[in-house]
Every structure is written in C-alpha cells, then in structure tokens.
Amino acid sequence: MSDFYIETEHKARKQHKCFWCRRIVEVGERYIKGFGFWQGDIQNRKECLKCHNLINVMSGDKDYRDYVCSDGFDNETLMEFHQEKICPTCTHYECEEGMTHRVRCDRYERNLLQEVTK
C-alpha cells in the first residue's frame, strides 16, 4: 500500500518516456509526473495523458476499483481493462508489444471519451 503519492501535470521541457506505454512524450506536450512511497520504495514515474486517463477510468470502474485500490495494478491489468472495457473488438492486441498498441489505436480516444462521459 502507498504511504503517500502525489501527481502533478507538467509541460515537457525535454523528451520523457511514458512509464506505461513507453511512448515518447515530446517537448511541449503535457504529461503527469507521479512521486510517492510504495511498499518501502520511493517511486517516481512519468505518464502520458492517454495512459493517465485510462488509469483514472479504470480506477472509477466498479469491476476494477477494489482491485486497483487494494493491490495496485500493472501493465497486465491495464491491458485487460483496455481489452474488456474500452476497445473490446480491437484486433491489434496480439501483434503489438506491451501497451504501445493503445497509443496507435485509431479507436482508442473515441472509446475512452465515451467511457469517461458515461
């Protein structure tokens, strides 16, 4: 469990790599910087806004909320949530590595926006 965790939004002054999808956050692009203390270790990460939004939607979903709040989550959990709730008919899962398919999926933002506005 987390002792503390702080998120702040920043405008990139240099390139960063998203912790979740490994996409490059370009100079001038907005991103989230997270910092905290988790299970005895200091954690520091940067998230692109797409991944951050997906995590927020997942945290609010009744099927995933308890799991996210108690156990935390990992790339596998994000992938499962994305496949089940955001883009269930996507055919890109097997051909892409990790979470990067989400960044390239042409339906991702539209489906996530629909999920957020429910």
C-alpha atoms as a PDB file:
ATOM      1  CA  MET A   1       0.000   0.000   0.000  1.00  0.00           C
ATOM      2  CA  SER A   2       1.125   3.551  -0.682  1.00  0.00           C
ATOM      3  CA  ASP A   3       2.205   5.753   2.207  1.00  0.00           C
ATOM      4  CA  PHE A   4       1.816   8.806   0.005  1.00  0.00           C
ATOM      5  CA  TYR A   5       1.531   9.603  -3.677  1.00  0.00           C
ATOM      6  CA  ILE A   6       1.497  12.976  -5.437  1.00  0.00           C
ATOM      7  CA  GLU A   7       0.636  13.662  -9.079  1.00  0.00           C
ATOM      8  CA  THR A   8       1.347  16.898 -10.891  1.00  0.00           C
ATOM      9  CA  GLU A   9       0.798  17.887 -14.506  1.00  0.00           C
ATOM     10  CA  HIS A  10       3.732  19.368 -16.388  1.00  0.00           C
ATOM     11  CA  LYS A  11       4.634  20.639 -19.831  1.00  0.00           C
ATOM     12  CA  ALA A  12       7.677  18.729 -21.095  1.00  0.00           C
ATOM     13  CA  ARG A  13      10.852  20.768 -21.469  1.00  0.00           C
ATOM     14  CA  LYS A  14      12.643  17.678 -22.750  1.00  0.00           C
ATOM     15  CA  GLN A  15      11.561  14.269 -24.019  1.00  0.00           C
ATOM     16  CA  HIS A  16      10.312  11.723 -21.488  1.00  0.00           C
ATOM     17  CA  LYS A  17       9.172   8.130 -21.836  1.00  0.00           C
ATOM     18  CA  CYS A  18       5.754   7.120 -20.518  1.00  0.00           C
ATOM     19  CA  PHE A  19       6.081   4.576 -17.716  1.00  0.00           C
ATOM     20  CA  TRP A  20       3.135   2.545 -19.030  1.00  0.00           C
ATOM     21  CA  CYS A  21       3.167   2.568 -22.830  1.00  0.00           C
ATOM     22  CA  ARG A  22       6.808   3.587 -23.439  1.00  0.00           C
ATOM     23  CA  ARG A  23       5.732   6.258 -25.901  1.00  0.00           C
ATOM     24  CA  ILE A  24       7.954   9.316 -26.080  1.00  0.00           C
ATOM     25  CA  VAL A  25       6.364  12.422 -24.540  1.00  0.00           C
ATOM     26  CA  GLU A  26       7.585  15.189 -26.835  1.00  0.00           C
ATOM     27  CA  VAL A  27       8.830  18.645 -25.848  1.00  0.00           C
ATOM     28  CA  GLY A  28       5.835  20.926 -25.223  1.00  0.00           C
ATOM     29  CA  GLU A  29       3.437  18.031 -24.613  1.00  0.00           C
ATOM     30  CA  ARG A  30       1.590  17.760 -21.281  1.00  0.00           C
ATOM     31  CA  TYR A  31       2.302  14.757 -19.045  1.00  0.00           C
ATOM     32  CA  ILE A  32       1.754  13.605 -15.466  1.00  0.00           C
ATOM     33  CA  LYS A  33       4.606  13.208 -13.015  1.00  0.00           C
ATOM     34  CA  GLY A  34       3.920  10.859 -10.131  1.00  0.00           C
ATOM     35  CA  PHE A  35       6.001  10.610  -6.991  1.00  0.00           C
ATOM     36  CA  GLY A  36       5.413   8.593  -3.854  1.00  0.00           C
ATOM     37  CA  PHE A  37       6.416   5.924  -1.393  1.00  0.00           C
ATOM     38  CA  TRP A  38       5.086   2.434  -2.233  1.00  0.00           C
ATOM     39  CA  GLN A  39       5.823  -0.769  -0.301  1.00  0.00           C
ATOM     40  CA  GLY A  40       9.014   0.630   1.196  1.00  0.00           C
ATOM     41  CA  ASP A  41      10.396   2.125  -2.028  1.00  0.00           C
ATOM     42  CA  ILE A  42      10.398   5.626  -3.442  1.00  0.00           C
ATOM     43  CA  GLN A  43       8.567   5.631  -6.772  1.00  0.00           C
ATOM     44  CA  ASN A  44       8.926   8.254  -9.479  1.00  0.00           C
ATOM     45  CA  ARG A  45       7.300   7.987 -12.908  1.00  0.00           C
ATOM     46  CA  LYS A  46       6.025   9.978 -15.845  1.00  0.00           C
ATOM     47  CA  GLU A  47       2.776   9.114 -17.648  1.00  0.00           C
ATOM     48  CA  CYS A  48       1.431  10.349 -20.959  1.00  0.00           C
ATOM     49  CA  LEU A  49      -2.078  11.792 -20.692  1.00  0.00           C
ATOM     50  CA  LYS A  50      -3.620   8.851 -22.581  1.00  0.00           C
ATOM     51  CA  CYS A  51      -2.335   6.336 -20.041  1.00  0.00           C
ATOM     52  CA  HIS A  52      -3.197   8.621 -17.134  1.00  0.00           C
ATOM     53  CA  ASN A  53      -6.775   8.964 -18.404  1.00  0.00           C
ATOM     54  CA  LEU A  54      -7.091   5.203 -18.821  1.00  0.00           C
ATOM     55  CA  ILE A  55      -5.925   4.683 -15.232  1.00  0.00           C
ATOM     56  CA  ASN A  56      -8.478   7.216 -13.977  1.00  0.00           C
ATOM     57  CA  VAL A  57     -11.281   5.482 -15.876  1.00  0.00           C
ATOM     58  CA  MET A  58     -10.133   2.078 -14.597  1.00  0.00           C
ATOM     59  CA  SER A  59      -9.999   3.372 -11.008  1.00  0.00           C
ATOM     60  CA  GLY A  60     -13.622   4.500 -11.267  1.00  0.00           C
ATOM     61  CA  ASP A  61     -14.912   1.261 -12.815  1.00  0.00           C
ATOM     62  CA  LYS A  62     -16.907  -0.868 -10.350  1.00  0.00           C
ATOM     63  CA  ASP A  63     -15.331  -4.108 -11.619  1.00  0.00           C
ATOM     64  CA  TYR A  64     -11.763  -2.872 -11.162  1.00  0.00           C
ATOM     65  CA  ARG A  65     -11.933  -0.246  -8.406  1.00  0.00           C
ATOM     66  CA  ASP A  66     -11.406  -2.585  -5.433  1.00  0.00           C
ATOM     67  CA  TYR A  67      -8.511  -4.357  -7.136  1.00  0.00           C
ATOM     68  CA  VAL A  68      -6.791  -1.083  -8.088  1.00  0.00           C
ATOM     69  CA  CYS A  69      -7.240   0.462  -4.637  1.00  0.00           C
ATOM     70  CA  SER A  70      -6.087  -2.564  -2.646  1.00  0.00           C
ATOM     71  CA  ASP A  71      -3.435  -4.281  -4.768  1.00  0.00           C
ATOM     72  CA  GLY A  72      -2.302  -1.601  -7.166  1.00  0.00           C
ATOM     73  CA  PHE A  73      -2.066  -2.535 -10.808  1.00  0.00           C
ATOM     74  CA  ASP A  74       0.421  -3.352 -13.541  1.00  0.00           C
ATOM     75  CA  ASN A  75       0.603  -3.373 -17.335  1.00  0.00           C
ATOM     76  CA  GLU A  76      -1.289  -6.662 -17.470  1.00  0.00           C
ATOM     77  CA  THR A  77      -4.208  -5.193 -15.503  1.00  0.00           C
ATOM     78  CA  LEU A  78      -4.288  -2.097 -17.733  1.00  0.00           C
ATOM     79  CA  MET A  79      -4.214  -4.296 -20.840  1.00  0.00           C
ATOM     80  CA  GLU A  80      -7.063  -6.453 -19.508  1.00  0.00           C
ATOM     81  CA  PHE A  81      -9.156  -3.398 -18.650  1.00  0.00           C
ATOM     82  CA  HIS A  82      -8.499  -1.814 -22.037  1.00  0.00           C
ATOM     83  CA  GLN A  83      -9.447  -5.005 -23.892  1.00  0.00           C
ATOM     84  CA  GLU A  84     -12.570  -5.632 -21.835  1.00  0.00           C
ATOM     85  CA  LYS A  85     -13.979  -2.141 -21.347  1.00  0.00           C
ATOM     86  CA  ILE A  86     -12.508   0.347 -23.818  1.00  0.00           C
ATOM     87  CA  CYS A  87     -11.863  -1.444 -27.074  1.00  0.00           C
ATOM     88  CA  PRO A  88     -13.262  -4.998 -26.911  1.00  0.00           C
ATOM     89  CA  THR A  89     -13.296  -5.530 -30.683  1.00  0.00           C
ATOM     90  CA  CYS A  90      -9.696  -4.411 -31.243  1.00  0.00           C
ATOM     91  CA  THR A  91      -7.586  -6.827 -33.270  1.00  0.00           C
ATOM     92  CA  HIS A  92      -4.225  -5.213 -32.504  1.00  0.00           C
ATOM     93  CA  TYR A  93      -3.506  -6.911 -29.180  1.00  0.00           C
ATOM     94  CA  GLU A  94      -1.549  -9.881 -30.423  1.00  0.00           C
ATOM     95  CA  CYS A  95       0.647  -8.012 -32.887  1.00  0.00           C
ATOM     96  CA  GLU A  96       1.723  -5.211 -30.582  1.00  0.00           C
ATOM     97  CA  GLU A  97       4.165  -5.344 -27.718  1.00  0.00           C
ATOM     98  CA  GLY A  98       3.101  -4.206 -24.271  1.00  0.00           C
ATOM     99  CA  MET A  99       0.737  -1.273 -24.048  1.00  0.00           C
ATOM    100  CA  THR A 100       2.007   0.583 -27.092  1.00  0.00           C
ATOM    101  CA  HIS A 101      -0.928  -0.542 -29.266  1.00  0.00           C
ATOM    102  CA  ARG A 102      -3.134   1.826 -27.271  1.00  0.00           C
ATOM    103  CA  VAL A 103      -1.163   4.797 -28.487  1.00  0.00           C
ATOM    104  CA  ARG A 104      -1.617   3.788 -32.125  1.00  0.00           C
ATOM    105  CA  CYS A 105      -5.191   2.516 -31.944  1.00  0.00           C
ATOM    106  CA  ASP A 106      -7.408   4.833 -34.011  1.00  0.00           C
ATOM    107  CA  ARG A 107     -10.473   3.952 -31.898  1.00  0.00           C
ATOM    108  CA  TYR A 108      -8.820   4.343 -28.501  1.00  0.00           C
ATOM    109  CA  GLU A 109      -9.502   8.019 -27.823  1.00  0.00           C
ATOM    110  CA  ARG A 110     -13.079   7.851 -29.095  1.00  0.00           C
ATOM    111  CA  ASN A 111     -13.871   4.801 -26.960  1.00  0.00           C
ATOM    112  CA  LEU A 112     -12.153   6.221 -23.884  1.00  0.00           C
ATOM    113  CA  LEU A 113     -14.048   9.502 -24.261  1.00  0.00           C
ATOM    114  CA  GLN A 114     -17.327   7.584 -24.386  1.00  0.00           C
ATOM    115  CA  GLU A 115     -16.336   5.701 -21.224  1.00  0.00           C
ATOM    116  CA  VAL A 116     -15.427   8.919 -19.387  1.00  0.00           C
ATOM    117  CA  THR A 117     -18.691  10.654 -20.295  1.00  0.00           C
ATOM    118  CA  LYS A 118     -20.932   7.752 -19.150  1.00  0.00           C
END
